[in-house]
Amino acid sequence: MASNDKTKKYKGGRHPKKDPAVFRYSISFTAVENARFLSLFEQSGMNVKAHYITACVFQKAIKTIKIDKATMDYYMRLTTLYGQFRAIGVNYNQIVKLLYRNFTEKKAAAYLYRLEMQTAELVVLCQKIIQLTDDFETKHLKK
């Protein structure tokens, strides 16, 4: 059996990099400089400090992420409210089916009239939510 380069057995482990990073440098920071470095690193959203330092040294674009807790809280509450509206829609359909199945048409229509009044109030509330969301977006998100 002749051994070719193409038929080499794979012995496991990592594949070697084409251009490995073998040159290392060491820097020292004071306590104030270290605190500033860590805050800038956290704002960048990067996971590896070495990649952040390399990006800073070679003037690559560094992204900065700022998380607004109020916006996140508003978004989470709006999401839960949306889930509740969907649940109301499902319940609404079930109630209408049950009314027509279990009551006479006249009695079912009377109950549906009450349900329609409550639905009209819900529509007004939904319009207020949409208006508040638009106001929130114009004041806080479009900076």
N, C-alpha and C. Protein backbone atom coordinates (compact mmCIF):
# COMPACT_ATOMS: atom_id res chain seq x y z
N MET A 1 0.81 -1.19 0.00
CA MET A 1 0.00 0.00 0.00
C MET A 1 0.85 1.25 0.00
N ALA A 2 0.60 2.09 -0.93
CA ALA A 2 1.32 3.35 -1.00
C ALA A 2 0.51 4.40 -0.27
N SER A 3 1.19 5.23 0.51
CA SER A 3 0.45 6.26 1.26
C SER A 3 0.56 7.59 0.51
N ASN A 4 -0.58 8.15 0.21
CA ASN A 4 -0.66 9.45 -0.45
C ASN A 4 -1.01 10.52 0.59
N ASP A 5 -0.82 11.78 0.18
CA ASP A 5 -1.19 12.89 1.07
C ASP A 5 -2.70 12.93 1.27
N LYS A 6 -3.45 12.47 0.27
CA LYS A 6 -4.91 12.53 0.34
C LYS A 6 -5.47 11.45 1.25
N THR A 7 -4.75 10.39 1.48
CA THR A 7 -5.28 9.27 2.26
C THR A 7 -4.71 9.24 3.67
N LYS A 8 -4.24 10.36 4.20
CA LYS A 8 -3.72 10.40 5.56
C LYS A 8 -4.85 10.17 6.54
N LYS A 9 -4.56 9.48 7.61
CA LYS A 9 -5.56 9.24 8.63
C LYS A 9 -5.70 10.48 9.50
N TYR A 10 -6.93 10.75 9.89
CA TYR A 10 -7.21 11.88 10.77
C TYR A 10 -6.99 11.42 12.20
N LYS A 11 -6.13 12.10 12.91
CA LYS A 11 -5.77 11.68 14.26
C LYS A 11 -6.56 12.43 15.34
N GLY A 12 -7.48 13.32 14.97
CA GLY A 12 -8.27 14.06 15.96
C GLY A 12 -7.62 15.37 16.33
N GLY A 13 -8.28 16.10 17.17
CA GLY A 13 -7.76 17.38 17.62
C GLY A 13 -8.18 18.51 16.70
N ARG A 14 -7.71 19.69 17.02
CA ARG A 14 -8.05 20.85 16.21
C ARG A 14 -7.24 20.88 14.93
N HIS A 15 -7.84 21.44 13.91
CA HIS A 15 -7.09 21.66 12.67
C HIS A 15 -6.19 22.87 12.90
N PRO A 16 -4.96 22.82 12.43
CA PRO A 16 -4.07 23.98 12.65
C PRO A 16 -4.53 25.20 11.85
N LYS A 17 -4.37 26.39 12.45
CA LYS A 17 -4.76 27.62 11.77
C LYS A 17 -3.75 27.95 10.70
N LYS A 18 -4.23 28.65 9.67
CA LYS A 18 -3.32 29.04 8.57
C LYS A 18 -2.38 30.14 9.02
N ASP A 19 -2.89 31.08 9.83
CA ASP A 19 -2.07 32.20 10.31
C ASP A 19 -2.29 32.36 11.81
N PRO A 20 -1.64 31.53 12.62
CA PRO A 20 -1.90 31.60 14.07
C PRO A 20 -1.32 32.87 14.69
N ALA A 21 -2.00 33.35 15.73
CA ALA A 21 -1.52 34.54 16.46
C ALA A 21 -0.55 34.06 17.54
N VAL A 22 0.74 34.30 17.33
CA VAL A 22 1.75 33.81 18.26
C VAL A 22 2.49 34.95 18.97
N PHE A 23 2.29 36.18 18.54
CA PHE A 23 2.97 37.30 19.16
C PHE A 23 2.08 37.87 20.26
N ARG A 24 2.61 37.98 21.47
CA ARG A 24 1.83 38.44 22.61
C ARG A 24 2.48 39.67 23.22
N TYR A 25 1.62 40.57 23.71
CA TYR A 25 2.08 41.79 24.35
C TYR A 25 1.36 41.93 25.67
N SER A 26 1.98 42.57 26.61
CA SER A 26 1.41 42.74 27.93
C SER A 26 1.34 44.23 28.26
N ILE A 27 0.20 44.66 28.80
CA ILE A 27 0.06 46.05 29.22
C ILE A 27 -0.44 46.06 30.65
N SER A 28 -0.20 47.16 31.34
CA SER A 28 -0.65 47.30 32.72
C SER A 28 -1.49 48.55 32.85
N PHE A 29 -2.56 48.47 33.59
CA PHE A 29 -3.46 49.59 33.82
C PHE A 29 -3.47 49.95 35.29
N THR A 30 -3.73 51.21 35.57
CA THR A 30 -4.02 51.61 36.94
C THR A 30 -5.47 51.22 37.24
N ALA A 31 -5.90 51.40 38.47
CA ALA A 31 -7.27 51.03 38.84
C ALA A 31 -8.29 51.86 38.06
N VAL A 32 -8.02 53.15 37.88
CA VAL A 32 -8.95 54.02 37.15
C VAL A 32 -8.99 53.63 35.67
N GLU A 33 -7.80 53.39 35.10
CA GLU A 33 -7.74 52.99 33.69
C GLU A 33 -8.43 51.64 33.46
N ASN A 34 -8.26 50.72 34.40
CA ASN A 34 -8.88 49.41 34.27
C ASN A 34 -10.41 49.53 34.33
N ALA A 35 -10.91 50.36 35.24
CA ALA A 35 -12.37 50.55 35.33
C ALA A 35 -12.91 51.15 34.04
N ARG A 36 -12.18 52.12 33.48
CA ARG A 36 -12.62 52.74 32.22
C ARG A 36 -12.57 51.72 31.07
N PHE A 37 -11.48 50.93 31.04
CA PHE A 37 -11.35 49.91 30.00
C PHE A 37 -12.50 48.91 30.08
N LEU A 38 -12.82 48.44 31.28
CA LEU A 38 -13.89 47.46 31.44
C LEU A 38 -15.24 48.03 31.05
N SER A 39 -15.48 49.31 31.37
CA SER A 39 -16.77 49.90 30.99
C SER A 39 -16.86 50.05 29.46
N LEU A 40 -15.77 50.44 28.81
CA LEU A 40 -15.77 50.54 27.35
C LEU A 40 -15.92 49.16 26.71
N PHE A 41 -15.27 48.16 27.31
CA PHE A 41 -15.39 46.80 26.79
C PHE A 41 -16.82 46.29 26.89
N GLU A 42 -17.49 46.55 28.00
CA GLU A 42 -18.88 46.12 28.17
C GLU A 42 -19.81 46.83 27.19
N GLN A 43 -19.56 48.10 26.94
CA GLN A 43 -20.38 48.86 25.99
C GLN A 43 -20.21 48.35 24.57
N SER A 44 -19.04 47.78 24.27
CA SER A 44 -18.78 47.33 22.90
C SER A 44 -19.62 46.11 22.54
N GLY A 45 -19.99 45.30 23.53
CA GLY A 45 -20.78 44.11 23.25
C GLY A 45 -19.93 42.94 22.79
N MET A 46 -18.62 43.10 22.74
CA MET A 46 -17.75 41.99 22.34
C MET A 46 -17.61 41.00 23.49
N ASN A 47 -17.27 39.76 23.17
CA ASN A 47 -17.14 38.73 24.19
C ASN A 47 -15.70 38.50 24.63
N VAL A 48 -14.74 38.85 23.79
CA VAL A 48 -13.33 38.56 24.07
C VAL A 48 -12.57 39.89 24.17
N LYS A 49 -11.87 40.08 25.29
CA LYS A 49 -11.14 41.33 25.50
C LYS A 49 -10.01 41.50 24.48
N ALA A 50 -9.38 40.40 24.10
CA ALA A 50 -8.28 40.49 23.14
C ALA A 50 -8.79 41.01 21.79
N HIS A 51 -9.97 40.59 21.38
CA HIS A 51 -10.53 41.08 20.12
C HIS A 51 -10.86 42.56 20.23
N TYR A 52 -11.33 42.99 21.39
CA TYR A 52 -11.64 44.40 21.59
C TYR A 52 -10.36 45.24 21.52
N ILE A 53 -9.31 44.78 22.17
CA ILE A 53 -8.05 45.53 22.16
C ILE A 53 -7.49 45.59 20.74
N THR A 54 -7.55 44.49 20.01
CA THR A 54 -7.07 44.47 18.62
C THR A 54 -7.86 45.46 17.77
N ALA A 55 -9.17 45.51 17.97
CA ALA A 55 -10.00 46.44 17.21
C ALA A 55 -9.64 47.88 17.54
N CYS A 56 -9.34 48.15 18.81
CA CYS A 56 -8.95 49.51 19.21
C CYS A 56 -7.60 49.90 18.61
N VAL A 57 -6.64 48.99 18.64
CA VAL A 57 -5.29 49.30 18.16
C VAL A 57 -5.30 49.54 16.66
N PHE A 58 -6.02 48.74 15.91
CA PHE A 58 -6.01 48.85 14.46
C PHE A 58 -7.17 49.67 13.90
N GLN A 59 -7.82 50.42 14.77
CA GLN A 59 -8.86 51.38 14.37
C GLN A 59 -10.01 50.72 13.60
N LYS A 60 -10.35 49.51 13.97
CA LYS A 60 -11.51 48.88 13.36
C LYS A 60 -12.77 49.46 13.99
N ALA A 61 -13.87 49.29 13.34
CA ALA A 61 -15.12 49.80 13.87
C ALA A 61 -15.50 49.04 15.13
N ILE A 62 -15.79 49.79 16.19
CA ILE A 62 -16.18 49.19 17.45
C ILE A 62 -17.63 49.56 17.69
N LYS A 63 -18.46 48.57 17.86
CA LYS A 63 -19.86 48.87 18.10
C LYS A 63 -20.09 49.09 19.58
N THR A 64 -20.98 50.01 19.89
CA THR A 64 -21.33 50.31 21.26
C THR A 64 -22.80 50.03 21.45
N ILE A 65 -23.12 49.28 22.47
CA ILE A 65 -24.50 48.92 22.74
C ILE A 65 -24.91 49.56 24.06
N LYS A 66 -26.00 50.31 24.02
CA LYS A 66 -26.54 50.89 25.24
C LYS A 66 -27.94 50.32 25.43
N ILE A 67 -28.17 49.75 26.60
CA ILE A 67 -29.45 49.13 26.89
C ILE A 67 -30.24 50.07 27.80
N ASP A 68 -31.40 50.48 27.32
CA ASP A 68 -32.27 51.35 28.08
C ASP A 68 -33.27 50.47 28.83
N LYS A 69 -33.16 50.45 30.16
CA LYS A 69 -34.00 49.57 30.96
C LYS A 69 -35.48 49.95 30.84
N ALA A 70 -35.78 51.25 30.76
CA ALA A 70 -37.18 51.67 30.65
C ALA A 70 -37.79 51.18 29.35
N THR A 71 -37.03 51.25 28.27
CA THR A 71 -37.53 50.78 26.98
C THR A 71 -37.75 49.27 27.01
N MET A 72 -36.82 48.54 27.61
CA MET A 72 -36.97 47.09 27.70
C MET A 72 -38.19 46.72 28.54
N ASP A 73 -38.40 47.44 29.65
CA ASP A 73 -39.54 47.17 30.51
C ASP A 73 -40.84 47.44 29.77
N TYR A 74 -40.89 48.56 29.04
CA TYR A 74 -42.09 48.91 28.26
C TYR A 74 -42.36 47.85 27.19
N TYR A 75 -41.32 47.40 26.53
CA TYR A 75 -41.46 46.39 25.49
C TYR A 75 -41.97 45.07 26.07
N MET A 76 -41.43 44.67 27.23
CA MET A 76 -41.86 43.41 27.84
C MET A 76 -43.33 43.49 28.26
N ARG A 77 -43.73 44.61 28.83
CA ARG A 77 -45.13 44.75 29.25
C ARG A 77 -46.06 44.79 28.04
N LEU A 78 -45.61 45.42 26.97
CA LEU A 78 -46.42 45.48 25.76
C LEU A 78 -46.56 44.08 25.15
N THR A 79 -45.52 43.29 25.24
CA THR A 79 -45.56 41.92 24.73
C THR A 79 -46.55 41.07 25.52
N THR A 80 -46.52 41.19 26.85
CA THR A 80 -47.47 40.43 27.67
C THR A 80 -48.90 40.90 27.41
N LEU A 81 -49.07 42.19 27.20
CA LEU A 81 -50.40 42.72 26.90
C LEU A 81 -50.91 42.17 25.57
N TYR A 82 -50.03 42.04 24.60
CA TYR A 82 -50.40 41.46 23.31
C TYR A 82 -50.86 40.02 23.49
N GLY A 83 -50.16 39.27 24.33
CA GLY A 83 -50.56 37.89 24.61
C GLY A 83 -51.93 37.83 25.26
N GLN A 84 -52.22 38.78 26.14
CA GLN A 84 -53.53 38.81 26.78
C GLN A 84 -54.62 39.15 25.76
N PHE A 85 -54.35 40.04 24.82
CA PHE A 85 -55.33 40.36 23.78
C PHE A 85 -55.63 39.12 22.92
N ARG A 86 -54.61 38.35 22.63
CA ARG A 86 -54.84 37.12 21.85
C ARG A 86 -55.71 36.15 22.63
N ALA A 87 -55.46 36.03 23.94
CA ALA A 87 -56.27 35.14 24.77
C ALA A 87 -57.72 35.61 24.81
N ILE A 88 -57.93 36.93 24.86
CA ILE A 88 -59.29 37.47 24.85
C ILE A 88 -59.98 37.12 23.54
N GLY A 89 -59.26 37.20 22.44
CA GLY A 89 -59.83 36.86 21.13
C GLY A 89 -60.27 35.41 21.06
N VAL A 90 -59.45 34.51 21.61
CA VAL A 90 -59.80 33.09 21.62
C VAL A 90 -61.02 32.86 22.49
N ASN A 91 -61.04 33.48 23.67
CA ASN A 91 -62.19 33.33 24.57
C ASN A 91 -63.46 33.92 23.95
N TYR A 92 -63.32 35.02 23.23
CA TYR A 92 -64.46 35.66 22.57
C TYR A 92 -65.12 34.68 21.59
N ASN A 93 -64.31 34.04 20.79
CA ASN A 93 -64.85 33.06 19.83
C ASN A 93 -65.54 31.89 20.53
N GLN A 94 -64.96 31.41 21.61
CA GLN A 94 -65.56 30.30 22.34
C GLN A 94 -66.89 30.70 22.97
N ILE A 95 -66.96 31.92 23.51
CA ILE A 95 -68.20 32.39 24.14
C ILE A 95 -69.32 32.50 23.12
N VAL A 96 -69.02 33.04 21.96
CA VAL A 96 -70.05 33.20 20.92
C VAL A 96 -70.60 31.83 20.52
N LYS A 97 -69.74 30.86 20.34
CA LYS A 97 -70.19 29.50 19.98
C LYS A 97 -71.06 28.90 21.08
N LEU A 98 -70.64 29.07 22.34
CA LEU A 98 -71.41 28.52 23.45
C LEU A 98 -72.76 29.20 23.60
N LEU A 99 -72.81 30.50 23.39
CA LEU A 99 -74.08 31.22 23.53
C LEU A 99 -75.10 30.70 22.53
N TYR A 100 -74.70 30.55 21.30
CA TYR A 100 -75.64 30.09 20.27
C TYR A 100 -76.00 28.62 20.44
N ARG A 101 -75.12 27.85 21.04
CA ARG A 101 -75.39 26.44 21.21
C ARG A 101 -76.31 26.18 22.41
N ASN A 102 -76.15 26.95 23.51
CA ASN A 102 -76.85 26.65 24.75
C ASN A 102 -78.07 27.52 25.03
N PHE A 103 -78.24 28.64 24.34
CA PHE A 103 -79.35 29.54 24.61
C PHE A 103 -80.18 29.73 23.35
N THR A 104 -81.37 30.29 23.58
CA THR A 104 -82.20 30.63 22.42
C THR A 104 -81.55 31.80 21.70
N GLU A 105 -82.00 32.02 20.49
CA GLU A 105 -81.37 33.07 19.69
C GLU A 105 -81.58 34.45 20.30
N LYS A 106 -82.74 34.68 20.88
CA LYS A 106 -83.04 35.98 21.48
C LYS A 106 -82.17 36.23 22.71
N LYS A 107 -82.04 35.21 23.57
CA LYS A 107 -81.23 35.34 24.78
C LYS A 107 -79.74 35.47 24.42
N ALA A 108 -79.30 34.71 23.43
CA ALA A 108 -77.90 34.79 22.98
C ALA A 108 -77.61 36.18 22.43
N ALA A 109 -78.57 36.76 21.69
CA ALA A 109 -78.37 38.10 21.14
C ALA A 109 -78.26 39.14 22.25
N ALA A 110 -79.03 38.97 23.33
CA ALA A 110 -78.96 39.90 24.46
C ALA A 110 -77.58 39.84 25.11
N TYR A 111 -77.06 38.62 25.32
CA TYR A 111 -75.73 38.48 25.91
C TYR A 111 -74.65 39.00 24.96
N LEU A 112 -74.83 38.78 23.67
CA LEU A 112 -73.86 39.29 22.70
C LEU A 112 -73.84 40.80 22.67
N TYR A 113 -74.99 41.43 22.91
CA TYR A 113 -75.02 42.89 22.95
C TYR A 113 -74.14 43.40 24.09
N ARG A 114 -74.25 42.75 25.26
CA ARG A 114 -73.39 43.13 26.40
C ARG A 114 -71.91 42.91 26.05
N LEU A 115 -71.64 41.81 25.39
CA LEU A 115 -70.26 41.50 25.00
C LEU A 115 -69.72 42.53 24.00
N GLU A 116 -70.59 42.99 23.12
CA GLU A 116 -70.17 44.01 22.16
C GLU A 116 -69.83 45.33 22.85
N MET A 117 -70.59 45.68 23.90
CA MET A 117 -70.30 46.90 24.64
C MET A 117 -68.92 46.81 25.31
N GLN A 118 -68.62 45.66 25.89
CA GLN A 118 -67.31 45.46 26.50
C GLN A 118 -66.19 45.48 25.46
N THR A 119 -66.49 44.94 24.28
CA THR A 119 -65.51 44.94 23.20
C THR A 119 -65.24 46.35 22.72
N ALA A 120 -66.26 47.20 22.68
CA ALA A 120 -66.07 48.60 22.29
C ALA A 120 -65.15 49.31 23.27
N GLU A 121 -65.32 49.04 24.57
CA GLU A 121 -64.42 49.62 25.58
C GLU A 121 -62.99 49.12 25.38
N LEU A 122 -62.86 47.86 25.01
CA LEU A 122 -61.54 47.28 24.77
C LEU A 122 -60.87 47.92 23.55
N VAL A 123 -61.67 48.25 22.54
CA VAL A 123 -61.13 48.91 21.34
C VAL A 123 -60.61 50.30 21.70
N VAL A 124 -61.35 51.03 22.53
CA VAL A 124 -60.90 52.37 22.96
C VAL A 124 -59.59 52.25 23.73
N LEU A 125 -59.51 51.26 24.62
CA LEU A 125 -58.28 51.03 25.38
C LEU A 125 -57.12 50.69 24.46
N CYS A 126 -57.38 49.88 23.45
CA CYS A 126 -56.33 49.49 22.49
C CYS A 126 -55.84 50.71 21.72
N GLN A 127 -56.73 51.61 21.34
CA GLN A 127 -56.34 52.83 20.64
C GLN A 127 -55.48 53.72 21.52
N LYS A 128 -55.79 53.78 22.81
CA LYS A 128 -54.96 54.56 23.75
C LYS A 128 -53.57 53.95 23.86
N ILE A 129 -53.51 52.62 23.89
CA ILE A 129 -52.21 51.94 23.97
C ILE A 129 -51.37 52.25 22.73
N ILE A 130 -52.00 52.23 21.57
CA ILE A 130 -51.29 52.53 20.33
C ILE A 130 -50.79 53.97 20.34
N GLN A 131 -51.61 54.90 20.83
CA GLN A 131 -51.20 56.31 20.90
C GLN A 131 -50.04 56.48 21.87
N LEU A 132 -50.10 55.83 23.03
CA LEU A 132 -49.01 55.92 24.00
C LEU A 132 -47.72 55.31 23.44
N THR A 133 -47.84 54.23 22.69
CA THR A 133 -46.66 53.62 22.09
C THR A 133 -46.04 54.55 21.05
N ASP A 134 -46.87 55.19 20.24
CA ASP A 134 -46.34 56.14 19.25
C ASP A 134 -45.65 57.31 19.94
N ASP A 135 -46.26 57.83 21.02
CA ASP A 135 -45.63 58.92 21.77
C ASP A 135 -44.29 58.48 22.36
N PHE A 136 -44.27 57.27 22.90
CA PHE A 136 -43.04 56.74 23.49
C PHE A 136 -41.94 56.60 22.45
N GLU A 137 -42.30 56.10 21.27
CA GLU A 137 -41.31 55.95 20.20
C GLU A 137 -40.76 57.29 19.76
N THR A 138 -41.61 58.30 19.60
CA THR A 138 -41.13 59.60 19.12
C THR A 138 -40.27 60.29 20.18
N LYS A 139 -40.61 60.13 21.44
CA LYS A 139 -39.85 60.84 22.49
C LYS A 139 -38.56 60.13 22.88
N HIS A 140 -38.59 58.80 22.92
CA HIS A 140 -37.45 58.09 23.51
C HIS A 140 -36.64 57.25 22.53
N LEU A 141 -37.24 56.74 21.49
CA LEU A 141 -36.52 55.82 20.62
C LEU A 141 -35.92 56.46 19.39
N LYS A 142 -36.44 57.55 18.94
CA LYS A 142 -35.98 58.17 17.69
C LYS A 142 -34.95 59.27 17.98
N LYS A 143 -33.95 58.95 18.78
CA LYS A 143 -32.93 59.96 19.12
C LYS A 143 -31.82 59.97 18.12
